[in-house]
Amino acid sequence: MAINIQGLPPGSLRNAPSMPWRPPQRLLGPLAPGFVIPANDTNGVVVACAGSGRIRVVAKVSAAGTLRLRWLLADHVTTVTPPASNPADPGTALVAATELVIDVAANPGHAYLEVAIVNGAGASTVSYIDVFQTPYSN
């Protein structure tokens, strides 16, 4: 079992760009389309979300697993699970070859969101994982 979270590169700026929205973002690195996640591994990417109100994550993978969303705090190490009212708390089941859409209705002011796939018992191929952000919460 391995945990592969693509975060901030060493020596990079530690402040998130403050934009009220971003164009749709297809995640790359360990969550890129076609990437194979071995059985029982966790792969993730840190997404800048400062200034965004509502965040939507759309995911599709080839095998069952869990989509996990966690806020990354200012120290860029500590993670916090979104509040219980969030549908992705503490994780949402991914059904094989089925698109999953999760809405985070309100960003409480965090600058980064960790998007991760916690894989199940078999290897899984990523079809896509997209992140959409708007300036207004619901």
Protein backbone atom coordinates (compact mmCIF):
# COMPACT_ATOMS: atom_id res chain seq x y z
CA MET A 1 0.00 0.00 0.00
CA ALA A 2 1.38 3.39 -1.02
CA ILE A 3 0.16 6.96 -0.60
CA ASN A 4 1.06 9.29 -3.50
CA ILE A 5 -0.14 12.88 -3.03
CA GLN A 6 1.20 15.43 -5.49
CA GLY A 7 1.45 18.59 -3.45
CA LEU A 8 3.53 21.70 -3.52
CA PRO A 9 7.04 21.32 -4.92
CA PRO A 10 9.85 22.09 -2.44
CA GLY A 11 10.80 25.76 -2.45
CA SER A 12 7.62 26.83 -4.24
CA LEU A 13 5.58 29.82 -3.23
CA ARG A 14 3.37 28.92 -0.32
CA ASN A 15 0.55 31.34 -1.07
CA ALA A 16 -2.30 30.24 -3.29
CA PRO A 17 -3.23 32.56 -6.13
CA SER A 18 -6.44 34.33 -5.17
CA MET A 19 -8.81 33.99 -8.09
CA PRO A 20 -12.58 33.97 -7.65
CA TRP A 21 -12.94 31.21 -10.24
CA ARG A 22 -10.82 29.08 -12.51
CA PRO A 23 -11.51 27.36 -15.81
CA PRO A 24 -12.33 23.66 -15.50
CA GLN A 25 -9.19 21.76 -14.51
CA ARG A 26 -8.43 18.16 -15.50
CA LEU A 27 -6.11 16.75 -12.83
CA LEU A 28 -2.74 15.40 -13.91
CA GLY A 29 0.15 13.64 -12.19
CA PRO A 30 -1.01 10.64 -10.14
CA LEU A 31 -4.64 11.35 -11.15
CA ALA A 32 -4.06 11.88 -14.88
CA PRO A 33 -6.30 10.12 -17.41
CA GLY A 34 -4.92 6.64 -18.10
CA PHE A 35 -2.90 6.51 -14.86
CA VAL A 36 -3.16 3.10 -13.19
CA ILE A 37 -3.58 3.17 -9.41
CA PRO A 38 -2.42 -0.13 -7.84
CA ALA A 39 -4.71 -2.01 -5.46
CA ASN A 40 -5.06 -0.45 -1.97
CA ASP A 41 -3.01 2.66 -2.91
CA THR A 42 -4.01 6.30 -2.40
CA ASN A 43 -3.22 8.83 -5.13
CA GLY A 44 -4.04 12.52 -4.89
CA VAL A 45 -3.40 16.04 -6.11
CA VAL A 46 -3.53 19.35 -4.23
CA VAL A 47 -5.72 21.94 -5.98
CA ALA A 48 -5.49 25.70 -5.31
CA CYS A 49 -8.96 26.99 -4.42
CA ALA A 50 -8.38 30.35 -2.67
CA GLY A 51 -11.20 32.74 -3.43
CA SER A 52 -13.53 30.05 -4.74
CA GLY A 53 -16.96 29.65 -3.20
CA ARG A 54 -18.36 26.47 -4.70
CA ILE A 55 -16.19 23.58 -5.88
CA ARG A 56 -17.37 20.61 -7.97
CA VAL A 57 -15.28 17.46 -8.41
CA VAL A 58 -16.21 15.02 -11.18
CA ALA A 59 -14.47 11.62 -11.18
CA LYS A 60 -14.58 8.40 -13.17
CA VAL A 61 -12.32 5.39 -12.63
CA SER A 62 -12.40 1.78 -13.85
CA ALA A 63 -12.70 0.01 -10.47
CA ALA A 64 -14.39 0.64 -7.13
CA GLY A 65 -12.71 2.96 -4.63
CA THR A 66 -13.31 6.13 -2.61
CA LEU A 67 -13.09 9.80 -3.61
CA ARG A 68 -11.68 11.72 -0.63
CA LEU A 69 -11.66 15.52 -0.32
CA ARG A 70 -9.72 17.25 2.46
CA TRP A 71 -8.77 20.87 3.08
CA LEU A 72 -5.05 21.56 3.33
CA LEU A 73 -4.30 24.11 6.07
CA ALA A 74 -1.84 27.01 5.97
CA ASP A 75 1.11 24.86 7.05
CA HIS A 76 0.62 22.84 3.83
CA VAL A 77 0.90 19.61 5.83
CA THR A 78 -2.20 19.35 8.05
CA THR A 79 -5.42 18.21 6.41
CA VAL A 80 -8.95 18.68 7.66
CA THR A 81 -11.96 16.70 6.45
CA PRO A 82 -14.72 18.96 5.11
CA PRO A 83 -17.68 19.49 7.49
CA ALA A 84 -20.24 16.73 8.00
CA SER A 85 -22.75 18.62 5.84
CA ASN A 86 -20.41 18.04 2.90
CA PRO A 87 -21.35 15.00 0.79
CA ALA A 88 -17.69 13.93 0.53
CA ASP A 89 -17.19 13.53 4.29
CA PRO A 90 -15.12 11.44 4.96
CA GLY A 91 -15.20 9.93 1.48
CA THR A 92 -17.66 8.97 -1.22
CA ALA A 93 -17.78 5.55 -2.87
CA LEU A 94 -16.70 5.39 -6.49
CA VAL A 95 -18.58 2.79 -8.52
CA ALA A 96 -16.58 1.16 -11.32
CA ALA A 97 -16.92 2.93 -14.69
CA THR A 98 -19.53 5.37 -13.33
CA GLU A 99 -19.17 9.15 -13.13
CA LEU A 100 -19.36 10.62 -9.62
CA VAL A 101 -20.16 14.31 -9.08
CA ILE A 102 -19.48 15.90 -5.67
CA ASP A 103 -20.34 19.51 -4.85
CA VAL A 104 -18.62 21.36 -2.03
CA ALA A 105 -21.28 24.01 -1.53
CA ALA A 106 -19.13 26.52 0.34
CA ASN A 107 -15.38 26.93 0.73
CA PRO A 108 -14.91 28.13 4.33
CA GLY A 109 -11.84 30.14 3.31
CA HIS A 110 -9.20 27.48 2.71
CA ALA A 111 -6.61 27.96 -0.02
CA TYR A 112 -6.02 24.32 -1.01
CA LEU A 113 -8.11 21.18 -1.47
CA GLU A 114 -6.59 17.71 -1.56
CA VAL A 115 -8.42 15.50 -4.06
CA ALA A 116 -7.52 11.83 -3.61
CA ILE A 117 -8.62 8.41 -4.80
CA VAL A 118 -8.37 5.69 -2.15
CA ASN A 119 -8.29 2.57 -4.30
CA GLY A 120 -10.05 -0.67 -3.48
CA ALA A 121 -8.90 -4.28 -3.74
CA GLY A 122 -8.08 -4.18 -7.48
CA ALA A 123 -6.02 -1.92 -9.70
CA SER A 124 -7.94 1.00 -11.19
CA THR A 125 -7.37 3.17 -14.27
CA VAL A 126 -8.32 6.85 -14.07
CA SER A 127 -10.69 7.94 -16.84
CA TYR A 128 -10.74 11.55 -15.65
CA ILE A 129 -10.96 13.70 -12.56
CA ASP A 130 -12.08 17.29 -13.17
CA VAL A 131 -12.38 20.21 -10.75
CA PHE A 132 -14.70 23.17 -11.36
CA GLN A 133 -14.72 26.33 -9.22
CA THR A 134 -17.08 29.32 -9.04
CA PRO A 135 -16.82 32.54 -7.05
CA TYR A 136 -20.14 32.07 -5.24
CA SER A 137 -21.23 29.47 -2.72
CA ASN A 138 -24.71 27.99 -2.62
